[in-house]
Amino acid sequence: MDYKKIKTSEEVYATLMRQHFGELRVFSTFSAPDGDYFGDPNVCRMMTEYGFDNTDIPILGIETTWDRQVENTYERVNEQHKYWLCIGVSD
């Protein structure tokens, strides 16, 4: 089964994470804290999707991006967050 991403708010994301704390598991993750060399090497990216055990698709996800800083790699300049819900689509 495949899924599409539906943009949502930080409040919806936080509510689902809080309500299902301990039940949600990491479905997938991508980390490029030194620059995304598969995309823009000047943008750092962290992305994680969460779902329940024994399911085929995640239910929600978050992506955080920030500008790469060569001098200070720990500072997250222009940090932005995107949130989404995952909706299953039939094959």
N, C-alpha and C. Protein backbone atom coordinates (compact mmCIF):
# COMPACT_ATOMS: atom_id res chain seq x y z
N MET A 1 0.85 -1.18 0.00
CA MET A 1 0.00 0.00 0.00
C MET A 1 0.89 1.24 0.00
N ASP A 2 0.46 2.22 -0.74
CA ASP A 2 1.18 3.47 -0.82
C ASP A 2 0.38 4.53 -0.06
N TYR A 3 0.96 5.70 0.10
CA TYR A 3 0.26 6.77 0.80
C TYR A 3 0.65 8.12 0.23
N LYS A 4 -0.22 9.09 0.48
CA LYS A 4 0.10 10.46 0.11
C LYS A 4 0.19 11.28 1.38
N LYS A 5 0.92 12.38 1.28
CA LYS A 5 1.11 13.26 2.43
C LYS A 5 0.14 14.43 2.36
N ILE A 6 -0.54 14.68 3.47
CA ILE A 6 -1.47 15.80 3.58
C ILE A 6 -0.90 16.78 4.60
N LYS A 7 -0.63 18.00 4.16
CA LYS A 7 -0.06 19.01 5.04
C LYS A 7 -0.97 19.23 6.25
N THR A 8 -0.36 19.34 7.43
CA THR A 8 -1.12 19.62 8.64
C THR A 8 -0.36 20.63 9.48
N SER A 9 -0.88 20.92 10.66
CA SER A 9 -0.29 21.95 11.52
C SER A 9 0.55 21.33 12.63
N GLU A 10 1.34 22.18 13.26
CA GLU A 10 2.13 21.76 14.41
C GLU A 10 1.22 21.28 15.53
N GLU A 11 0.07 21.92 15.69
CA GLU A 11 -0.86 21.55 16.77
C GLU A 11 -1.41 20.15 16.56
N VAL A 12 -1.78 19.79 15.34
CA VAL A 12 -2.29 18.45 15.06
C VAL A 12 -1.19 17.42 15.30
N TYR A 13 0.01 17.69 14.81
CA TYR A 13 1.15 16.80 15.01
C TYR A 13 1.41 16.59 16.50
N ALA A 14 1.48 17.68 17.26
CA ALA A 14 1.78 17.59 18.69
C ALA A 14 0.68 16.84 19.45
N THR A 15 -0.57 17.06 19.07
CA THR A 15 -1.68 16.38 19.73
C THR A 15 -1.61 14.87 19.50
N LEU A 16 -1.37 14.46 18.26
CA LEU A 16 -1.27 13.03 17.98
C LEU A 16 -0.08 12.39 18.68
N MET A 17 1.05 13.07 18.69
CA MET A 17 2.23 12.54 19.38
C MET A 17 1.98 12.41 20.88
N ARG A 18 1.32 13.40 21.46
CA ARG A 18 1.03 13.37 22.90
C ARG A 18 -0.01 12.30 23.22
N GLN A 19 -1.07 12.23 22.43
CA GLN A 19 -2.15 11.29 22.69
C GLN A 19 -1.69 9.83 22.56
N HIS A 20 -0.76 9.58 21.65
CA HIS A 20 -0.33 8.20 21.37
C HIS A 20 1.11 7.95 21.79
N PHE A 21 1.57 8.72 22.77
CA PHE A 21 2.93 8.55 23.29
C PHE A 21 3.10 7.10 23.77
N GLY A 22 4.17 6.48 23.36
CA GLY A 22 4.43 5.10 23.74
C GLY A 22 3.87 4.09 22.75
N GLU A 23 2.93 4.51 21.91
CA GLU A 23 2.36 3.62 20.89
C GLU A 23 2.99 3.82 19.53
N LEU A 24 3.35 5.05 19.22
CA LEU A 24 3.91 5.36 17.90
C LEU A 24 5.37 4.92 17.82
N ARG A 25 5.73 4.40 16.67
CA ARG A 25 7.10 3.95 16.40
C ARG A 25 7.63 4.69 15.17
N VAL A 26 8.93 4.80 15.09
CA VAL A 26 9.56 5.40 13.91
C VAL A 26 9.39 4.45 12.74
N PHE A 27 8.77 4.95 11.67
CA PHE A 27 8.60 4.17 10.43
C PHE A 27 9.79 4.38 9.51
N SER A 28 10.22 5.62 9.39
CA SER A 28 11.36 5.93 8.54
C SER A 28 11.99 7.23 9.04
N THR A 29 13.27 7.38 8.72
CA THR A 29 13.96 8.60 9.12
C THR A 29 15.05 8.91 8.10
N PHE A 30 15.32 10.18 7.93
CA PHE A 30 16.39 10.65 7.06
C PHE A 30 17.09 11.78 7.78
N SER A 31 18.41 11.70 7.89
CA SER A 31 19.18 12.73 8.58
C SER A 31 20.31 13.24 7.70
N ALA A 32 20.34 14.54 7.51
CA ALA A 32 21.43 15.18 6.76
C ALA A 32 21.79 16.47 7.50
N PRO A 33 22.35 16.36 8.73
CA PRO A 33 22.63 17.54 9.53
C PRO A 33 23.80 18.38 9.02
N ASP A 34 24.54 17.87 8.05
CA ASP A 34 25.67 18.62 7.48
C ASP A 34 25.39 19.09 6.06
N GLY A 35 24.13 19.02 5.63
CA GLY A 35 23.75 19.41 4.28
C GLY A 35 23.21 18.23 3.52
N ASP A 36 22.15 18.45 2.76
CA ASP A 36 21.47 17.38 2.03
C ASP A 36 22.13 17.19 0.67
N TYR A 37 23.04 16.23 0.57
CA TYR A 37 23.77 16.03 -0.67
C TYR A 37 22.96 15.27 -1.72
N PHE A 38 21.73 14.86 -1.38
CA PHE A 38 20.81 14.30 -2.35
C PHE A 38 19.91 15.40 -2.91
N GLY A 39 19.92 16.54 -2.25
CA GLY A 39 19.12 17.70 -2.67
C GLY A 39 20.01 18.92 -2.70
N ASP A 40 19.75 19.87 -1.84
CA ASP A 40 20.53 21.10 -1.76
C ASP A 40 21.58 20.95 -0.66
N PRO A 41 22.87 20.94 -0.99
CA PRO A 41 23.91 20.75 0.02
C PRO A 41 24.02 21.91 1.01
N ASN A 42 23.36 23.03 0.73
CA ASN A 42 23.39 24.17 1.65
C ASN A 42 22.21 24.16 2.63
N VAL A 43 21.35 23.15 2.52
CA VAL A 43 20.21 23.02 3.42
C VAL A 43 20.35 21.72 4.20
N CYS A 44 20.36 21.82 5.51
CA CYS A 44 20.38 20.65 6.37
C CYS A 44 18.95 20.15 6.54
N ARG A 45 18.79 18.84 6.70
CA ARG A 45 17.44 18.27 6.71
C ARG A 45 17.37 17.08 7.67
N MET A 46 16.30 17.04 8.44
CA MET A 46 15.98 15.89 9.30
C MET A 46 14.51 15.58 9.06
N MET A 47 14.20 14.32 8.78
CA MET A 47 12.82 13.95 8.50
C MET A 47 12.52 12.62 9.19
N THR A 48 11.34 12.52 9.82
CA THR A 48 10.92 11.29 10.49
C THR A 48 9.43 11.08 10.29
N GLU A 49 9.05 9.83 10.03
CA GLU A 49 7.64 9.46 9.95
C GLU A 49 7.36 8.42 11.04
N TYR A 50 6.15 8.51 11.61
CA TYR A 50 5.75 7.66 12.72
C TYR A 50 4.49 6.89 12.38
N GLY A 51 4.37 5.69 12.96
CA GLY A 51 3.17 4.89 12.78
C GLY A 51 3.03 3.90 13.92
N PHE A 52 2.01 3.08 13.82
CA PHE A 52 1.73 2.06 14.82
C PHE A 52 2.34 0.73 14.40
N ASP A 53 2.63 -0.13 15.38
CA ASP A 53 3.11 -1.48 15.09
C ASP A 53 2.11 -2.21 14.21
N ASN A 54 2.63 -3.10 13.37
CA ASN A 54 1.82 -3.98 12.53
C ASN A 54 0.91 -3.24 11.56
N THR A 55 1.34 -2.08 11.08
CA THR A 55 0.60 -1.36 10.04
C THR A 55 1.51 -1.19 8.83
N ASP A 56 0.89 -0.94 7.69
CA ASP A 56 1.65 -0.85 6.44
C ASP A 56 2.19 0.53 6.13
N ILE A 57 1.56 1.56 6.69
CA ILE A 57 1.99 2.92 6.39
C ILE A 57 2.08 3.73 7.69
N PRO A 58 2.90 4.79 7.69
CA PRO A 58 2.94 5.67 8.86
C PRO A 58 1.66 6.51 8.92
N ILE A 59 1.47 7.24 10.03
CA ILE A 59 0.30 8.10 10.12
C ILE A 59 0.66 9.58 10.08
N LEU A 60 1.90 9.93 10.46
CA LEU A 60 2.28 11.33 10.43
C LEU A 60 3.78 11.48 10.31
N GLY A 61 4.20 12.69 9.95
CA GLY A 61 5.61 12.95 9.77
C GLY A 61 5.96 14.40 10.03
N ILE A 62 7.27 14.61 10.19
CA ILE A 62 7.81 15.96 10.40
C ILE A 62 9.12 16.08 9.61
N GLU A 63 9.34 17.25 9.05
CA GLU A 63 10.60 17.57 8.39
C GLU A 63 11.08 18.91 8.93
N THR A 64 12.34 18.94 9.33
CA THR A 64 12.96 20.17 9.80
C THR A 64 14.12 20.49 8.87
N THR A 65 14.18 21.73 8.41
CA THR A 65 15.28 22.17 7.56
C THR A 65 15.88 23.44 8.15
N TRP A 66 17.15 23.66 7.85
CA TRP A 66 17.83 24.89 8.25
C TRP A 66 19.02 25.10 7.34
N ASP A 67 19.49 26.33 7.27
CA ASP A 67 20.62 26.67 6.42
C ASP A 67 21.91 26.14 7.02
N ARG A 68 22.73 25.60 6.16
CA ARG A 68 24.03 25.07 6.59
C ARG A 68 24.96 26.23 6.92
N GLN A 69 25.59 26.15 8.08
CA GLN A 69 26.54 27.17 8.53
C GLN A 69 27.91 26.51 8.67
N VAL A 70 28.83 26.88 7.80
CA VAL A 70 30.16 26.26 7.81
C VAL A 70 30.92 26.60 9.08
N GLU A 71 30.79 27.84 9.55
CA GLU A 71 31.55 28.27 10.72
C GLU A 71 31.02 27.64 12.01
N ASN A 72 29.72 27.49 12.12
CA ASN A 72 29.11 26.98 13.35
C ASN A 72 28.04 25.96 12.96
N THR A 73 28.40 24.68 12.89
CA THR A 73 27.47 23.67 12.41
C THR A 73 26.35 23.37 13.40
N TYR A 74 26.42 23.90 14.62
CA TYR A 74 25.37 23.63 15.61
C TYR A 74 24.26 24.67 15.60
N GLU A 75 24.48 25.79 14.95
CA GLU A 75 23.47 26.84 14.89
C GLU A 75 22.49 26.54 13.76
N ARG A 76 21.20 26.56 14.07
CA ARG A 76 20.17 26.28 13.05
C ARG A 76 19.57 27.61 12.59
N VAL A 77 20.15 28.16 11.53
CA VAL A 77 19.70 29.43 10.97
C VAL A 77 18.54 29.16 10.02
N ASN A 78 17.49 29.98 10.12
CA ASN A 78 16.30 29.85 9.27
C ASN A 78 15.63 28.49 9.41
N GLU A 79 15.57 27.98 10.63
CA GLU A 79 14.94 26.68 10.87
C GLU A 79 13.45 26.72 10.53
N GLN A 80 13.00 25.70 9.81
CA GLN A 80 11.59 25.60 9.42
C GLN A 80 11.11 24.17 9.63
N HIS A 81 9.83 24.03 9.94
CA HIS A 81 9.24 22.71 10.18
C HIS A 81 8.04 22.52 9.25
N LYS A 82 7.88 21.31 8.75
CA LYS A 82 6.72 20.93 7.96
C LYS A 82 6.14 19.67 8.60
N TYR A 83 4.83 19.60 8.65
CA TYR A 83 4.13 18.48 9.28
C TYR A 83 3.14 17.91 8.28
N TRP A 84 2.92 16.59 8.33
CA TRP A 84 1.95 15.98 7.44
C TRP A 84 1.31 14.75 8.07
N LEU A 85 0.13 14.46 7.57
CA LEU A 85 -0.56 13.21 7.87
C LEU A 85 -0.38 12.29 6.67
N CYS A 86 -0.37 11.01 6.90
CA CYS A 86 -0.21 10.03 5.82
C CYS A 86 -1.56 9.34 5.58
N ILE A 87 -2.02 9.41 4.35
CA ILE A 87 -3.30 8.85 3.96
C ILE A 87 -3.07 7.74 2.94
N GLY A 88 -3.53 6.54 3.25
CA GLY A 88 -3.34 5.40 2.36
C GLY A 88 -4.10 5.57 1.06
N VAL A 89 -3.48 5.12 -0.03
CA VAL A 89 -4.13 5.12 -1.34
C VAL A 89 -4.06 3.70 -1.89
N SER A 90 -5.10 3.27 -2.57
CA SER A 90 -5.12 1.91 -3.11
C SER A 90 -4.22 1.80 -4.32
N ASP A 91 -3.70 0.62 -4.53
CA ASP A 91 -2.79 0.36 -5.64
C ASP A 91 -3.48 0.40 -6.98
